[in-house]
């Protein structure tokens, strides 16, 4: 099993489960303001994270073809790059604070880097 790919998958899965089970706490951890609608958005985000992370973990565990794993990892890397850029934009727009920027964009950037390293090793 690929350690970096598994780390990317596990990271997404953990955030997904946290967002589904405790959307308000996850929002506070990521320094996202918590109007009532934010819980719904957090749960939507959680489903996305959980499904992407679990898909990657299962594709590695089940020895899916290299092409299938690369396709999934490419989608996840694009998503993590987009999340990183979105966090930068929102930080400069002052809609998230430094902690939210570091945890949100920093986490997405870390997963993006791990995913890129994994892609180059497959």
N, C-alpha and C. Protein backbone atom coordinates (compact mmCIF):
# COMPACT_ATOMS: atom_id res chain seq x y z
N UNK A 1 0.84 -1.18 0.00
CA UNK A 1 0.00 0.00 0.00
C UNK A 1 0.88 1.24 0.00
N UNK A 2 0.48 2.25 -0.70
CA UNK A 2 1.23 3.48 -0.83
C UNK A 2 1.03 4.36 0.41
N UNK A 3 2.12 4.68 1.10
CA UNK A 3 2.03 5.45 2.33
C UNK A 3 1.53 6.88 2.07
N UNK A 4 2.08 7.57 1.08
CA UNK A 4 1.65 8.95 0.82
C UNK A 4 0.21 9.00 0.33
N UNK A 5 -0.13 8.11 -0.59
CA UNK A 5 -1.51 8.07 -1.08
C UNK A 5 -2.49 7.77 0.04
N UNK A 6 -2.10 6.86 0.91
CA UNK A 6 -2.96 6.53 2.05
C UNK A 6 -3.10 7.71 3.00
N UNK A 7 -2.02 8.48 3.18
CA UNK A 7 -2.08 9.66 4.04
C UNK A 7 -3.04 10.70 3.47
N UNK A 8 -2.97 10.92 2.16
CA UNK A 8 -3.90 11.85 1.51
C UNK A 8 -5.33 11.37 1.69
N UNK A 9 -5.57 10.09 1.44
CA UNK A 9 -6.91 9.53 1.59
C UNK A 9 -7.41 9.61 3.01
N UNK A 10 -6.54 9.29 3.96
CA UNK A 10 -6.92 9.33 5.36
C UNK A 10 -7.20 10.76 5.82
N UNK A 11 -6.37 11.71 5.38
CA UNK A 11 -6.59 13.11 5.74
C UNK A 11 -7.95 13.61 5.30
N UNK A 12 -8.32 13.30 4.06
CA UNK A 12 -9.64 13.71 3.57
C UNK A 12 -10.75 13.00 4.33
N UNK A 13 -10.56 11.73 4.61
CA UNK A 13 -11.59 10.96 5.31
C UNK A 13 -11.82 11.50 6.72
N UNK A 14 -10.75 11.84 7.43
CA UNK A 14 -10.88 12.36 8.80
C UNK A 14 -11.64 13.69 8.80
N UNK A 15 -11.26 14.60 7.90
CA UNK A 15 -11.97 15.89 7.83
C UNK A 15 -13.43 15.66 7.46
N UNK A 16 -13.68 14.71 6.55
CA UNK A 16 -15.05 14.40 6.15
C UNK A 16 -15.89 13.90 7.31
N UNK A 17 -15.35 12.96 8.07
CA UNK A 17 -16.08 12.42 9.22
C UNK A 17 -16.32 13.50 10.26
N UNK A 18 -15.29 14.32 10.52
CA UNK A 18 -15.44 15.41 11.49
C UNK A 18 -16.55 16.37 11.04
N UNK A 19 -16.56 16.70 9.75
CA UNK A 19 -17.56 17.65 9.24
C UNK A 19 -18.97 17.09 9.30
N UNK A 20 -19.09 15.79 9.10
CA UNK A 20 -20.42 15.17 9.16
C UNK A 20 -20.92 15.03 10.59
N UNK A 21 -20.05 14.62 11.50
CA UNK A 21 -20.47 14.36 12.88
C UNK A 21 -20.53 15.61 13.74
N UNK A 22 -19.64 16.55 13.49
CA UNK A 22 -19.58 17.76 14.33
C UNK A 22 -19.30 18.98 13.46
N UNK A 23 -20.27 19.38 12.62
CA UNK A 23 -20.01 20.47 11.68
C UNK A 23 -19.65 21.78 12.35
N UNK A 24 -20.29 22.08 13.47
CA UNK A 24 -19.99 23.35 14.13
C UNK A 24 -18.58 23.35 14.72
N UNK A 25 -18.20 22.25 15.36
CA UNK A 25 -16.85 22.15 15.92
C UNK A 25 -15.79 22.17 14.83
N UNK A 26 -16.06 21.49 13.72
CA UNK A 26 -15.11 21.49 12.61
C UNK A 26 -14.99 22.89 12.03
N UNK A 27 -16.12 23.59 11.91
CA UNK A 27 -16.08 24.97 11.43
C UNK A 27 -15.26 25.85 12.34
N UNK A 28 -15.42 25.68 13.65
CA UNK A 28 -14.63 26.47 14.61
C UNK A 28 -13.14 26.13 14.49
N UNK A 29 -12.83 24.85 14.33
CA UNK A 29 -11.44 24.42 14.19
C UNK A 29 -10.81 25.07 12.96
N UNK A 30 -11.57 25.15 11.87
CA UNK A 30 -11.07 25.76 10.64
C UNK A 30 -11.33 27.26 10.58
N UNK A 31 -11.84 27.81 11.71
CA UNK A 31 -12.09 29.25 11.84
C UNK A 31 -13.07 29.78 10.80
N UNK A 32 -14.10 29.00 10.52
CA UNK A 32 -15.16 29.42 9.61
C UNK A 32 -16.30 29.97 10.46
N UNK A 33 -16.82 31.15 10.13
CA UNK A 33 -17.95 31.69 10.89
C UNK A 33 -19.10 30.69 10.91
N UNK A 34 -19.90 30.71 11.96
CA UNK A 34 -20.91 29.67 12.10
C UNK A 34 -22.35 30.17 12.10
N UNK A 35 -22.80 30.80 11.02
CA UNK A 35 -24.25 30.99 10.93
C UNK A 35 -24.91 29.63 10.76
N UNK A 36 -26.18 29.55 10.99
CA UNK A 36 -26.87 28.25 10.97
C UNK A 36 -26.66 27.50 9.66
N UNK A 37 -26.63 28.17 8.54
CA UNK A 37 -26.46 27.51 7.24
C UNK A 37 -25.07 26.89 7.10
N UNK A 38 -24.12 27.36 7.89
CA UNK A 38 -22.75 26.84 7.78
C UNK A 38 -22.69 25.36 8.14
N UNK A 39 -23.56 24.89 9.04
CA UNK A 39 -23.57 23.47 9.39
C UNK A 39 -23.93 22.61 8.18
N UNK A 40 -24.89 23.08 7.39
CA UNK A 40 -25.28 22.35 6.19
C UNK A 40 -24.12 22.32 5.19
N UNK A 41 -23.48 23.46 4.99
CA UNK A 41 -22.35 23.54 4.07
C UNK A 41 -21.21 22.66 4.58
N UNK A 42 -20.98 22.67 5.87
CA UNK A 42 -19.92 21.84 6.45
C UNK A 42 -20.20 20.36 6.21
N UNK A 43 -21.45 19.95 6.33
CA UNK A 43 -21.79 18.55 6.08
C UNK A 43 -21.61 18.20 4.59
N UNK A 44 -21.97 19.13 3.69
CA UNK A 44 -21.73 18.90 2.27
C UNK A 44 -20.23 18.72 2.01
N UNK A 45 -19.46 19.58 2.61
CA UNK A 45 -18.00 19.52 2.51
C UNK A 45 -17.51 18.18 3.06
N UNK A 46 -18.11 17.76 4.17
CA UNK A 46 -17.72 16.50 4.79
C UNK A 46 -17.96 15.31 3.90
N UNK A 47 -19.09 15.29 3.21
CA UNK A 47 -19.39 14.19 2.29
C UNK A 47 -18.36 14.16 1.18
N UNK A 48 -18.03 15.32 0.62
CA UNK A 48 -17.01 15.41 -0.44
C UNK A 48 -15.68 14.84 0.05
N UNK A 49 -15.25 15.29 1.21
CA UNK A 49 -13.97 14.85 1.75
C UNK A 49 -13.95 13.35 2.03
N UNK A 50 -15.01 12.88 2.66
CA UNK A 50 -15.07 11.47 3.02
C UNK A 50 -15.07 10.58 1.78
N UNK A 51 -15.86 10.91 0.79
CA UNK A 51 -15.93 10.08 -0.42
C UNK A 51 -14.63 10.10 -1.20
N UNK A 52 -14.01 11.27 -1.32
CA UNK A 52 -12.74 11.32 -2.03
C UNK A 52 -11.65 10.56 -1.29
N UNK A 53 -11.57 10.77 0.01
CA UNK A 53 -10.55 10.07 0.80
C UNK A 53 -10.76 8.57 0.79
N UNK A 54 -12.00 8.13 1.00
CA UNK A 54 -12.28 6.70 1.00
C UNK A 54 -12.03 6.08 -0.37
N UNK A 55 -12.38 6.81 -1.42
CA UNK A 55 -12.15 6.30 -2.78
C UNK A 55 -10.67 6.06 -3.03
N UNK A 56 -9.84 7.00 -2.61
CA UNK A 56 -8.41 6.84 -2.81
C UNK A 56 -7.87 5.68 -1.98
N UNK A 57 -8.29 5.60 -0.72
CA UNK A 57 -7.84 4.50 0.14
C UNK A 57 -8.25 3.14 -0.45
N UNK A 58 -9.49 3.05 -0.91
CA UNK A 58 -9.97 1.78 -1.47
C UNK A 58 -9.26 1.44 -2.78
N UNK A 59 -8.96 2.46 -3.59
CA UNK A 59 -8.28 2.18 -4.86
C UNK A 59 -6.87 1.65 -4.62
N UNK A 60 -6.23 2.13 -3.57
CA UNK A 60 -4.89 1.64 -3.23
C UNK A 60 -4.99 0.24 -2.63
N UNK A 61 -5.91 0.08 -1.70
CA UNK A 61 -6.05 -1.20 -1.01
C UNK A 61 -6.44 -2.32 -1.96
N UNK A 62 -7.29 -2.01 -2.93
CA UNK A 62 -7.80 -3.02 -3.85
C UNK A 62 -6.94 -3.17 -5.09
N UNK A 63 -5.75 -2.55 -5.08
CA UNK A 63 -4.82 -2.64 -6.20
C UNK A 63 -5.46 -2.30 -7.54
N UNK A 64 -6.19 -1.18 -7.58
CA UNK A 64 -6.77 -0.73 -8.84
C UNK A 64 -5.63 -0.40 -9.80
N UNK A 65 -5.97 -0.30 -11.06
CA UNK A 65 -4.93 -0.04 -12.06
C UNK A 65 -4.27 1.31 -11.81
N UNK A 66 -3.06 1.44 -12.28
CA UNK A 66 -2.33 2.70 -12.14
C UNK A 66 -3.11 3.85 -12.76
N UNK A 67 -3.71 3.63 -13.91
CA UNK A 67 -4.48 4.68 -14.58
C UNK A 67 -5.65 5.15 -13.73
N UNK A 68 -6.34 4.21 -13.09
CA UNK A 68 -7.48 4.57 -12.23
C UNK A 68 -7.02 5.35 -11.00
N UNK A 69 -5.94 4.89 -10.38
CA UNK A 69 -5.42 5.60 -9.20
C UNK A 69 -4.94 7.00 -9.57
N UNK A 70 -4.26 7.12 -10.70
CA UNK A 70 -3.76 8.43 -11.14
C UNK A 70 -4.91 9.38 -11.46
N UNK A 71 -5.96 8.86 -12.08
CA UNK A 71 -7.11 9.70 -12.40
C UNK A 71 -7.75 10.25 -11.11
N UNK A 72 -7.93 9.39 -10.13
CA UNK A 72 -8.50 9.81 -8.86
C UNK A 72 -7.58 10.78 -8.14
N UNK A 73 -6.29 10.49 -8.12
CA UNK A 73 -5.34 11.38 -7.46
C UNK A 73 -5.28 12.74 -8.16
N UNK A 74 -5.41 12.76 -9.47
CA UNK A 74 -5.42 14.03 -10.20
C UNK A 74 -6.62 14.87 -9.79
N UNK A 75 -7.78 14.26 -9.68
CA UNK A 75 -8.98 14.98 -9.24
C UNK A 75 -8.77 15.53 -7.84
N UNK A 76 -8.23 14.73 -6.94
CA UNK A 76 -7.99 15.17 -5.57
C UNK A 76 -6.95 16.29 -5.54
N UNK A 77 -5.90 16.18 -6.35
CA UNK A 77 -4.88 17.24 -6.38
C UNK A 77 -5.46 18.55 -6.90
N UNK A 78 -6.30 18.49 -7.91
CA UNK A 78 -6.95 19.71 -8.43
C UNK A 78 -7.82 20.33 -7.33
N UNK A 79 -8.56 19.49 -6.63
CA UNK A 79 -9.41 19.99 -5.55
C UNK A 79 -8.57 20.63 -4.44
N UNK A 80 -7.45 19.99 -4.06
CA UNK A 80 -6.61 20.55 -3.00
C UNK A 80 -5.94 21.84 -3.45
N UNK A 81 -5.54 21.93 -4.71
CA UNK A 81 -4.97 23.18 -5.22
C UNK A 81 -6.02 24.29 -5.19
N UNK A 82 -7.24 23.96 -5.59
CA UNK A 82 -8.33 24.94 -5.58
C UNK A 82 -8.65 25.39 -4.15
N UNK A 83 -8.67 24.44 -3.22
CA UNK A 83 -8.92 24.79 -1.81
C UNK A 83 -7.80 25.68 -1.27
N UNK A 84 -6.56 25.43 -1.67
CA UNK A 84 -5.44 26.26 -1.23
C UNK A 84 -5.60 27.68 -1.74
N UNK A 85 -5.89 27.82 -3.01
CA UNK A 85 -6.07 29.16 -3.60
C UNK A 85 -7.27 29.86 -3.00
N UNK A 86 -8.35 29.14 -2.78
CA UNK A 86 -9.54 29.74 -2.17
C UNK A 86 -9.24 30.28 -0.79
N UNK A 87 -8.47 29.52 -0.02
CA UNK A 87 -8.09 29.98 1.32
C UNK A 87 -7.24 31.24 1.28
N UNK A 88 -6.34 31.32 0.31
CA UNK A 88 -5.51 32.52 0.16
C UNK A 88 -6.39 33.72 -0.16
N UNK A 89 -7.30 33.54 -1.11
CA UNK A 89 -8.21 34.63 -1.49
C UNK A 89 -9.05 35.07 -0.30
N UNK A 90 -9.62 34.11 0.43
CA UNK A 90 -10.48 34.46 1.57
C UNK A 90 -9.69 35.10 2.71
N UNK A 91 -8.46 34.69 2.89
CA UNK A 91 -7.62 35.32 3.92
C UNK A 91 -7.38 36.79 3.57
N UNK A 92 -7.04 37.06 2.31
CA UNK A 92 -6.80 38.45 1.92
C UNK A 92 -8.09 39.27 1.85
N UNK A 93 -9.22 38.60 1.68
CA UNK A 93 -10.52 39.29 1.76
C UNK A 93 -10.99 39.44 3.20
N UNK A 94 -10.21 38.91 4.12
CA UNK A 94 -10.48 38.98 5.57
C UNK A 94 -11.76 38.25 5.99
N UNK A 95 -12.10 37.17 5.28
CA UNK A 95 -13.25 36.38 5.69
C UNK A 95 -12.84 35.19 6.55
N UNK A 96 -11.53 34.88 6.59
CA UNK A 96 -11.00 33.90 7.53
C UNK A 96 -9.78 34.51 8.20
N UNK A 97 -9.52 34.08 9.42
CA UNK A 97 -8.37 34.64 10.13
C UNK A 97 -7.12 33.79 9.85
N UNK A 98 -6.02 34.15 10.50
CA UNK A 98 -4.75 33.47 10.25
C UNK A 98 -4.83 31.98 10.59
N UNK A 99 -5.49 31.64 11.70
CA UNK A 99 -5.61 30.22 12.07
C UNK A 99 -6.38 29.44 11.02
N UNK A 100 -7.48 30.01 10.53
CA UNK A 100 -8.25 29.35 9.48
C UNK A 100 -7.45 29.20 8.21
N UNK A 101 -6.67 30.23 7.90
CA UNK A 101 -5.81 30.19 6.72
C UNK A 101 -4.76 29.08 6.87
N UNK A 102 -4.11 29.03 8.02
CA UNK A 102 -3.06 28.02 8.23
C UNK A 102 -3.62 26.61 8.25
N UNK A 103 -4.74 26.41 8.93
CA UNK A 103 -5.33 25.08 9.00
C UNK A 103 -6.00 24.68 7.69
N UNK A 104 -6.78 25.59 7.11
CA UNK A 104 -7.50 25.28 5.88
C UNK A 104 -6.60 25.21 4.67
N UNK A 105 -5.98 26.33 4.33
CA UNK A 105 -5.10 26.35 3.16
C UNK A 105 -3.84 25.55 3.41
N UNK A 106 -3.31 25.63 4.62
CA UNK A 106 -2.11 24.87 4.94
C UNK A 106 -2.35 23.37 4.84
N UNK A 107 -3.49 22.93 5.34
CA UNK A 107 -3.83 21.51 5.24
C UNK A 107 -4.03 21.07 3.80
N UNK A 108 -4.76 21.89 3.04
CA UNK A 108 -5.00 21.57 1.62
C UNK A 108 -3.68 21.56 0.85
N UNK A 109 -2.80 22.52 1.15
CA UNK A 109 -1.52 22.58 0.45
C UNK A 109 -0.65 21.38 0.81
N UNK A 110 -0.68 20.98 2.07
CA UNK A 110 0.09 19.80 2.49
C UNK A 110 -0.41 18.55 1.77
N UNK A 111 -1.73 18.37 1.71
CA UNK A 111 -2.28 17.21 1.01
C UNK A 111 -1.98 17.28 -0.49
N UNK A 112 -2.00 18.50 -1.05
CA UNK A 112 -1.64 18.67 -2.46
C UNK A 112 -0.19 18.23 -2.70
N UNK A 113 0.71 18.69 -1.85
CA UNK A 113 2.13 18.31 -2.01
C UNK A 113 2.33 16.81 -1.86
N UNK A 114 1.69 16.21 -0.87
CA UNK A 114 1.79 14.75 -0.69
C UNK A 114 1.24 14.02 -1.92
N UNK A 115 0.12 14.53 -2.44
CA UNK A 115 -0.47 13.93 -3.63
C UNK A 115 0.43 14.04 -4.84
N UNK A 116 1.09 15.18 -5.00
CA UNK A 116 2.00 15.36 -6.14
C UNK A 116 3.21 14.44 -6.00
N UNK A 117 3.73 14.31 -4.78
CA UNK A 117 4.86 13.41 -4.57
C UNK A 117 4.43 11.98 -4.89
N UNK A 118 3.24 11.61 -4.41
CA UNK A 118 2.74 10.26 -4.68
C UNK A 118 2.57 10.04 -6.17
N UNK A 119 2.03 11.02 -6.87
CA UNK A 119 1.82 10.88 -8.33
C UNK A 119 3.15 10.66 -9.04
N UNK A 120 4.20 11.32 -8.58
CA UNK A 120 5.49 11.15 -9.24
C UNK A 120 6.14 9.80 -8.90
N UNK A 121 5.69 9.17 -7.83
CA UNK A 121 6.26 7.87 -7.42
C UNK A 121 5.50 6.68 -7.97
N UNK A 122 4.30 6.89 -8.54
CA UNK A 122 3.52 5.77 -9.06
C UNK A 122 4.01 5.42 -10.39
